Amino acid sequence: MGKYVVLYRAPLGVAERFAQATLEEALAGMQLWVDWAQRIGLGLVYPGKPLGNAVKVTASGSSPTESNVIGMSILQADSMDAALVMVKDHHHLDWAEGCEIVVLEELPLPEMAATQGSDEAA
């Protein structure tokens, strides 16, 4: 079973709207997350939280930067295909024009896989 990082991306204007939501809008949005989490069940390892205040780090230092990543979750699934099924009808995709989800598979480190046989032992 593998782990998958889910990144929720939205145009910057949508992210600003999210930050200015009324209490009623925020509660309605949270109910959508609760409903999704119940559908996913044990496949949802970490529901995540909203993300913001991006900082770019380089060898010469760090500085504030723009990012369209507004949240993340961590899933557990038998395959990428199974993880994609979990997010296929995610409410984030209907939230606003331009919203999208990126799913990244956690890959084993080559030296760990060679010495331990699997990332489960790590």
N, C-alpha and C. Protein backbone atom coordinates (compact mmCIF):
# COMPACT_ATOMS: atom_id res chain seq x y z
N MET A 1 0.85 -1.16 0.00
CA MET A 1 0.00 0.00 0.00
C MET A 1 0.90 1.23 0.00
N GLY A 2 0.60 2.20 -0.86
CA GLY A 2 1.42 3.39 -0.96
C GLY A 2 0.72 4.63 -0.41
N LYS A 3 1.51 5.66 -0.24
CA LYS A 3 0.98 6.95 0.21
C LYS A 3 1.04 7.92 -0.96
N TYR A 4 0.04 8.82 -0.97
CA TYR A 4 -0.12 9.78 -2.06
C TYR A 4 -0.40 11.16 -1.47
N VAL A 5 0.37 12.14 -1.88
CA VAL A 5 0.15 13.52 -1.47
C VAL A 5 -0.78 14.16 -2.48
N VAL A 6 -1.84 14.76 -2.00
CA VAL A 6 -2.83 15.42 -2.84
C VAL A 6 -2.68 16.92 -2.64
N LEU A 7 -2.41 17.64 -3.74
CA LEU A 7 -2.29 19.09 -3.69
C LEU A 7 -3.52 19.70 -4.35
N TYR A 8 -4.15 20.63 -3.65
CA TYR A 8 -5.32 21.33 -4.18
C TYR A 8 -4.84 22.68 -4.71
N ARG A 9 -5.04 22.89 -6.00
CA ARG A 9 -4.59 24.13 -6.63
C ARG A 9 -5.80 24.95 -7.07
N ALA A 10 -5.65 26.27 -6.97
CA ALA A 10 -6.72 27.18 -7.39
C ALA A 10 -6.09 28.47 -7.86
N PRO A 11 -6.73 29.15 -8.81
CA PRO A 11 -6.23 30.46 -9.23
C PRO A 11 -6.13 31.39 -8.01
N LEU A 12 -5.20 32.32 -8.04
CA LEU A 12 -4.96 33.18 -6.89
C LEU A 12 -6.22 33.92 -6.45
N GLY A 13 -7.05 34.36 -7.37
CA GLY A 13 -8.28 35.06 -7.01
C GLY A 13 -9.22 34.18 -6.21
N VAL A 14 -9.25 32.90 -6.52
CA VAL A 14 -10.09 31.95 -5.79
C VAL A 14 -9.53 31.75 -4.39
N ALA A 15 -8.22 31.68 -4.27
CA ALA A 15 -7.60 31.54 -2.96
C ALA A 15 -7.92 32.74 -2.08
N GLU A 16 -7.93 33.93 -2.65
CA GLU A 16 -8.29 35.13 -1.89
C GLU A 16 -9.74 35.06 -1.44
N ARG A 17 -10.63 34.57 -2.31
CA ARG A 17 -12.05 34.41 -1.95
C ARG A 17 -12.19 33.44 -0.80
N PHE A 18 -11.43 32.38 -0.82
CA PHE A 18 -11.44 31.39 0.25
C PHE A 18 -11.07 32.04 1.58
N ALA A 19 -10.06 32.89 1.56
CA ALA A 19 -9.60 33.54 2.78
C ALA A 19 -10.63 34.51 3.34
N GLN A 20 -11.56 34.99 2.50
CA GLN A 20 -12.55 35.98 2.93
C GLN A 20 -13.94 35.37 3.12
N ALA A 21 -14.04 34.06 3.20
CA ALA A 21 -15.33 33.39 3.32
C ALA A 21 -16.04 33.78 4.61
N THR A 22 -17.35 33.87 4.54
CA THR A 22 -18.15 34.13 5.73
C THR A 22 -18.18 32.85 6.57
N LEU A 23 -18.64 32.97 7.79
CA LEU A 23 -18.73 31.80 8.66
C LEU A 23 -19.65 30.75 8.04
N GLU A 24 -20.77 31.17 7.47
CA GLU A 24 -21.70 30.23 6.86
C GLU A 24 -21.07 29.52 5.66
N GLU A 25 -20.34 30.25 4.83
CA GLU A 25 -19.65 29.65 3.69
C GLU A 25 -18.58 28.67 4.16
N ALA A 26 -17.86 29.04 5.20
CA ALA A 26 -16.80 28.17 5.73
C ALA A 26 -17.41 26.88 6.29
N LEU A 27 -18.51 26.99 7.01
CA LEU A 27 -19.15 25.79 7.57
C LEU A 27 -19.70 24.88 6.48
N ALA A 28 -20.28 25.46 5.44
CA ALA A 28 -20.79 24.66 4.32
C ALA A 28 -19.63 23.96 3.62
N GLY A 29 -18.52 24.66 3.45
CA GLY A 29 -17.33 24.07 2.83
C GLY A 29 -16.76 22.95 3.69
N MET A 30 -16.74 23.14 4.99
CA MET A 30 -16.23 22.10 5.89
C MET A 30 -17.10 20.84 5.83
N GLN A 31 -18.41 21.01 5.66
CA GLN A 31 -19.27 19.83 5.57
C GLN A 31 -18.93 19.01 4.33
N LEU A 32 -18.58 19.68 3.23
CA LEU A 32 -18.16 18.95 2.03
C LEU A 32 -16.91 18.11 2.31
N TRP A 33 -15.97 18.67 3.08
CA TRP A 33 -14.76 17.93 3.44
C TRP A 33 -15.09 16.74 4.33
N VAL A 34 -15.99 16.94 5.28
CA VAL A 34 -16.39 15.85 6.18
C VAL A 34 -17.04 14.73 5.37
N ASP A 35 -17.92 15.09 4.45
CA ASP A 35 -18.59 14.09 3.61
C ASP A 35 -17.58 13.31 2.78
N TRP A 36 -16.60 14.02 2.19
CA TRP A 36 -15.57 13.36 1.38
C TRP A 36 -14.74 12.42 2.26
N ALA A 37 -14.33 12.89 3.44
CA ALA A 37 -13.51 12.07 4.33
C ALA A 37 -14.25 10.79 4.73
N GLN A 38 -15.55 10.89 4.96
CA GLN A 38 -16.33 9.70 5.31
C GLN A 38 -16.40 8.73 4.14
N ARG A 39 -16.51 9.25 2.91
CA ARG A 39 -16.52 8.38 1.73
C ARG A 39 -15.18 7.66 1.56
N ILE A 40 -14.08 8.35 1.81
CA ILE A 40 -12.74 7.78 1.62
C ILE A 40 -12.40 6.80 2.74
N GLY A 41 -12.85 7.07 3.94
CA GLY A 41 -12.60 6.18 5.08
C GLY A 41 -11.14 6.09 5.44
N LEU A 42 -10.65 4.87 5.64
CA LEU A 42 -9.28 4.66 6.08
C LEU A 42 -8.24 5.05 5.04
N GLY A 43 -8.66 5.29 3.80
CA GLY A 43 -7.74 5.73 2.76
C GLY A 43 -7.24 7.14 2.99
N LEU A 44 -7.93 7.89 3.84
CA LEU A 44 -7.51 9.26 4.14
C LEU A 44 -6.61 9.23 5.38
N VAL A 45 -5.30 9.29 5.14
CA VAL A 45 -4.32 9.22 6.22
C VAL A 45 -4.26 10.54 6.98
N TYR A 46 -4.29 11.64 6.25
CA TYR A 46 -4.24 12.98 6.86
C TYR A 46 -5.11 13.90 6.02
N PRO A 47 -6.17 14.46 6.60
CA PRO A 47 -7.07 15.30 5.81
C PRO A 47 -6.42 16.59 5.35
N GLY A 48 -5.37 17.03 6.04
CA GLY A 48 -4.68 18.25 5.65
C GLY A 48 -5.37 19.50 6.16
N LYS A 49 -4.86 20.63 5.72
CA LYS A 49 -5.37 21.94 6.10
C LYS A 49 -5.08 22.89 4.95
N PRO A 50 -5.71 24.07 4.98
CA PRO A 50 -5.37 25.07 3.96
C PRO A 50 -3.89 25.46 4.08
N LEU A 51 -3.31 25.83 2.95
CA LEU A 51 -1.91 26.26 2.91
C LEU A 51 -1.84 27.69 2.38
N GLY A 52 -0.84 28.42 2.80
CA GLY A 52 -0.64 29.78 2.32
C GLY A 52 0.71 30.31 2.76
N ASN A 53 0.92 31.59 2.52
CA ASN A 53 2.16 32.27 2.91
C ASN A 53 3.40 31.57 2.35
N ALA A 54 3.38 31.31 1.04
CA ALA A 54 4.47 30.59 0.39
C ALA A 54 5.78 31.39 0.42
N VAL A 55 6.86 30.68 0.66
CA VAL A 55 8.19 31.27 0.65
C VAL A 55 9.06 30.39 -0.24
N LYS A 56 9.74 31.03 -1.18
CA LYS A 56 10.67 30.33 -2.08
C LYS A 56 12.05 30.34 -1.43
N VAL A 57 12.70 29.18 -1.37
CA VAL A 57 14.02 29.06 -0.78
C VAL A 57 15.00 28.63 -1.87
N THR A 58 16.09 29.38 -2.00
CA THR A 58 17.15 29.06 -2.96
C THR A 58 18.48 29.07 -2.22
N ALA A 59 19.55 28.72 -2.91
CA ALA A 59 20.87 28.74 -2.30
C ALA A 59 21.27 30.14 -1.84
N SER A 60 20.68 31.16 -2.45
CA SER A 60 21.04 32.53 -2.08
C SER A 60 20.10 33.15 -1.05
N GLY A 61 19.09 32.42 -0.60
CA GLY A 61 18.20 32.96 0.43
C GLY A 61 16.75 32.57 0.20
N SER A 62 15.87 33.32 0.84
CA SER A 62 14.44 33.04 0.72
C SER A 62 13.67 34.34 0.53
N SER A 63 12.48 34.20 -0.09
CA SER A 63 11.63 35.37 -0.31
C SER A 63 10.19 34.91 -0.50
N PRO A 64 9.24 35.78 -0.13
CA PRO A 64 7.83 35.43 -0.37
C PRO A 64 7.60 35.19 -1.86
N THR A 65 6.68 34.29 -2.17
CA THR A 65 6.38 33.97 -3.56
C THR A 65 4.91 33.63 -3.68
N GLU A 66 4.41 33.66 -4.89
CA GLU A 66 3.03 33.27 -5.14
C GLU A 66 2.97 31.77 -5.37
N SER A 67 1.87 31.16 -4.96
CA SER A 67 1.65 29.74 -5.19
C SER A 67 0.15 29.52 -5.37
N ASN A 68 -0.19 28.65 -6.29
CA ASN A 68 -1.60 28.32 -6.46
C ASN A 68 -1.99 27.07 -5.69
N VAL A 69 -1.09 26.55 -4.86
CA VAL A 69 -1.41 25.41 -4.00
C VAL A 69 -2.05 25.98 -2.74
N ILE A 70 -3.31 25.60 -2.50
CA ILE A 70 -4.05 26.17 -1.37
C ILE A 70 -4.36 25.15 -0.28
N GLY A 71 -3.97 23.89 -0.50
CA GLY A 71 -4.23 22.88 0.51
C GLY A 71 -3.61 21.55 0.12
N MET A 72 -3.64 20.61 1.06
CA MET A 72 -3.08 19.28 0.80
C MET A 72 -3.75 18.25 1.67
N SER A 73 -3.65 17.00 1.24
CA SER A 73 -4.10 15.84 2.01
C SER A 73 -3.11 14.71 1.73
N ILE A 74 -3.17 13.67 2.56
CA ILE A 74 -2.38 12.47 2.30
C ILE A 74 -3.32 11.28 2.28
N LEU A 75 -3.24 10.51 1.20
CA LEU A 75 -4.05 9.32 1.02
C LEU A 75 -3.19 8.07 1.11
N GLN A 76 -3.85 6.96 1.36
CA GLN A 76 -3.21 5.64 1.32
C GLN A 76 -4.04 4.80 0.36
N ALA A 77 -3.37 4.18 -0.61
CA ALA A 77 -4.09 3.39 -1.61
C ALA A 77 -3.19 2.30 -2.16
N ASP A 78 -3.81 1.32 -2.80
CA ASP A 78 -3.06 0.21 -3.39
C ASP A 78 -2.30 0.61 -4.64
N SER A 79 -2.75 1.69 -5.31
CA SER A 79 -2.11 2.12 -6.55
C SER A 79 -2.47 3.56 -6.84
N MET A 80 -1.77 4.15 -7.81
CA MET A 80 -2.12 5.50 -8.25
C MET A 80 -3.55 5.52 -8.77
N ASP A 81 -3.94 4.50 -9.51
CA ASP A 81 -5.31 4.45 -10.03
C ASP A 81 -6.32 4.49 -8.90
N ALA A 82 -6.06 3.75 -7.82
CA ALA A 82 -6.97 3.74 -6.68
C ALA A 82 -7.01 5.11 -6.00
N ALA A 83 -5.86 5.78 -5.91
CA ALA A 83 -5.82 7.12 -5.32
C ALA A 83 -6.60 8.10 -6.19
N LEU A 84 -6.49 7.95 -7.50
CA LEU A 84 -7.21 8.85 -8.41
C LEU A 84 -8.72 8.67 -8.29
N VAL A 85 -9.16 7.45 -8.03
CA VAL A 85 -10.59 7.21 -7.81
C VAL A 85 -11.06 7.99 -6.59
N MET A 86 -10.24 8.08 -5.56
CA MET A 86 -10.61 8.78 -4.33
C MET A 86 -10.84 10.27 -4.55
N VAL A 87 -10.14 10.86 -5.52
CA VAL A 87 -10.27 12.30 -5.75
C VAL A 87 -11.06 12.63 -7.02
N LYS A 88 -11.51 11.63 -7.73
CA LYS A 88 -12.18 11.83 -9.02
C LYS A 88 -13.33 12.83 -8.95
N ASP A 89 -14.21 12.69 -7.98
CA ASP A 89 -15.37 13.57 -7.85
C ASP A 89 -15.23 14.53 -6.67
N HIS A 90 -14.00 14.89 -6.34
CA HIS A 90 -13.75 15.76 -5.19
C HIS A 90 -14.42 17.11 -5.40
N HIS A 91 -15.05 17.63 -4.34
CA HIS A 91 -15.77 18.91 -4.42
C HIS A 91 -14.86 20.09 -4.77
N HIS A 92 -13.57 19.99 -4.54
CA HIS A 92 -12.65 21.08 -4.90
C HIS A 92 -12.71 21.38 -6.40
N LEU A 93 -12.92 20.35 -7.19
CA LEU A 93 -12.94 20.53 -8.65
C LEU A 93 -14.13 21.36 -9.12
N ASP A 94 -15.19 21.42 -8.32
CA ASP A 94 -16.38 22.18 -8.66
C ASP A 94 -16.45 23.54 -7.97
N TRP A 95 -15.46 23.84 -7.16
CA TRP A 95 -15.47 25.04 -6.34
C TRP A 95 -15.41 26.30 -7.18
N ALA A 96 -14.55 26.32 -8.18
CA ALA A 96 -14.41 27.49 -9.04
C ALA A 96 -13.68 27.09 -10.32
N GLU A 97 -13.85 27.87 -11.34
CA GLU A 97 -13.15 27.65 -12.61
C GLU A 97 -11.64 27.67 -12.37
N GLY A 98 -10.96 26.69 -12.91
CA GLY A 98 -9.50 26.65 -12.80
C GLY A 98 -8.97 25.86 -11.62
N CYS A 99 -9.87 25.34 -10.75
CA CYS A 99 -9.40 24.52 -9.64
C CYS A 99 -8.96 23.16 -10.17
N GLU A 100 -7.91 22.63 -9.60
CA GLU A 100 -7.42 21.33 -10.00
C GLU A 100 -6.76 20.63 -8.83
N ILE A 101 -6.56 19.34 -9.01
CA ILE A 101 -5.92 18.50 -8.00
C ILE A 101 -4.72 17.82 -8.64
N VAL A 102 -3.61 17.81 -7.92
CA VAL A 102 -2.41 17.09 -8.35
C VAL A 102 -2.17 15.99 -7.32
N VAL A 103 -1.98 14.77 -7.80
CA VAL A 103 -1.69 13.64 -6.91
C VAL A 103 -0.26 13.19 -7.17
N LEU A 104 0.52 13.12 -6.10
CA LEU A 104 1.92 12.70 -6.18
C LEU A 104 2.12 11.43 -5.36
N GLU A 105 2.77 10.45 -5.96
CA GLU A 105 3.04 9.20 -5.25
C GLU A 105 4.32 9.30 -4.45
N GLU A 106 4.27 8.88 -3.21
CA GLU A 106 5.48 8.81 -2.39
C GLU A 106 6.28 7.60 -2.87
N LEU A 107 7.50 7.85 -3.32
CA LEU A 107 8.35 6.79 -3.86
C LEU A 107 9.39 6.37 -2.84
N PRO A 108 9.77 5.09 -2.83
CA PRO A 108 10.80 4.65 -1.90
C PRO A 108 12.16 5.22 -2.31
N LEU A 109 12.98 5.47 -1.32
CA LEU A 109 14.36 5.86 -1.60
C LEU A 109 15.10 4.63 -2.11
N PRO A 110 15.84 4.74 -3.21
CA PRO A 110 16.52 3.55 -3.78
C PRO A 110 17.41 2.83 -2.78
N GLU A 111 18.19 3.54 -2.00
CA GLU A 111 19.09 2.88 -1.06
C GLU A 111 18.32 2.19 0.06
N MET A 112 17.18 2.73 0.46
CA MET A 112 16.35 2.11 1.50
C MET A 112 15.70 0.84 0.96
N ALA A 113 15.20 0.90 -0.26
CA ALA A 113 14.54 -0.26 -0.85
C ALA A 113 15.54 -1.41 -1.03
N ALA A 114 16.76 -1.08 -1.40
CA ALA A 114 17.77 -2.11 -1.64
C ALA A 114 18.21 -2.77 -0.33
N THR A 115 18.28 -2.01 0.78
CA THR A 115 18.77 -2.58 2.03
C THR A 115 17.67 -3.16 2.89
N GLN A 116 16.43 -2.67 2.72
CA GLN A 116 15.35 -3.13 3.60
C GLN A 116 14.26 -3.91 2.87
N GLY A 117 14.28 -3.90 1.57
CA GLY A 117 13.28 -4.66 0.84
C GLY A 117 11.99 -3.92 0.60
N SER A 118 11.64 -2.98 1.45
CA SER A 118 10.43 -2.18 1.22
C SER A 118 10.47 -0.96 2.11
N ASP A 119 9.64 0.02 1.78
CA ASP A 119 9.60 1.23 2.59
C ASP A 119 8.74 1.03 3.84
N GLU A 120 8.07 -0.12 3.98
CA GLU A 120 7.25 -0.39 5.15
C GLU A 120 8.13 -0.52 6.40
N ALA A 121 9.37 -1.00 6.22
CA ALA A 121 10.25 -1.18 7.37
C ALA A 121 10.90 0.12 7.80
N ALA A 122 10.86 1.13 6.92
CA ALA A 122 11.53 2.40 7.24
C ALA A 122 10.73 3.21 8.23
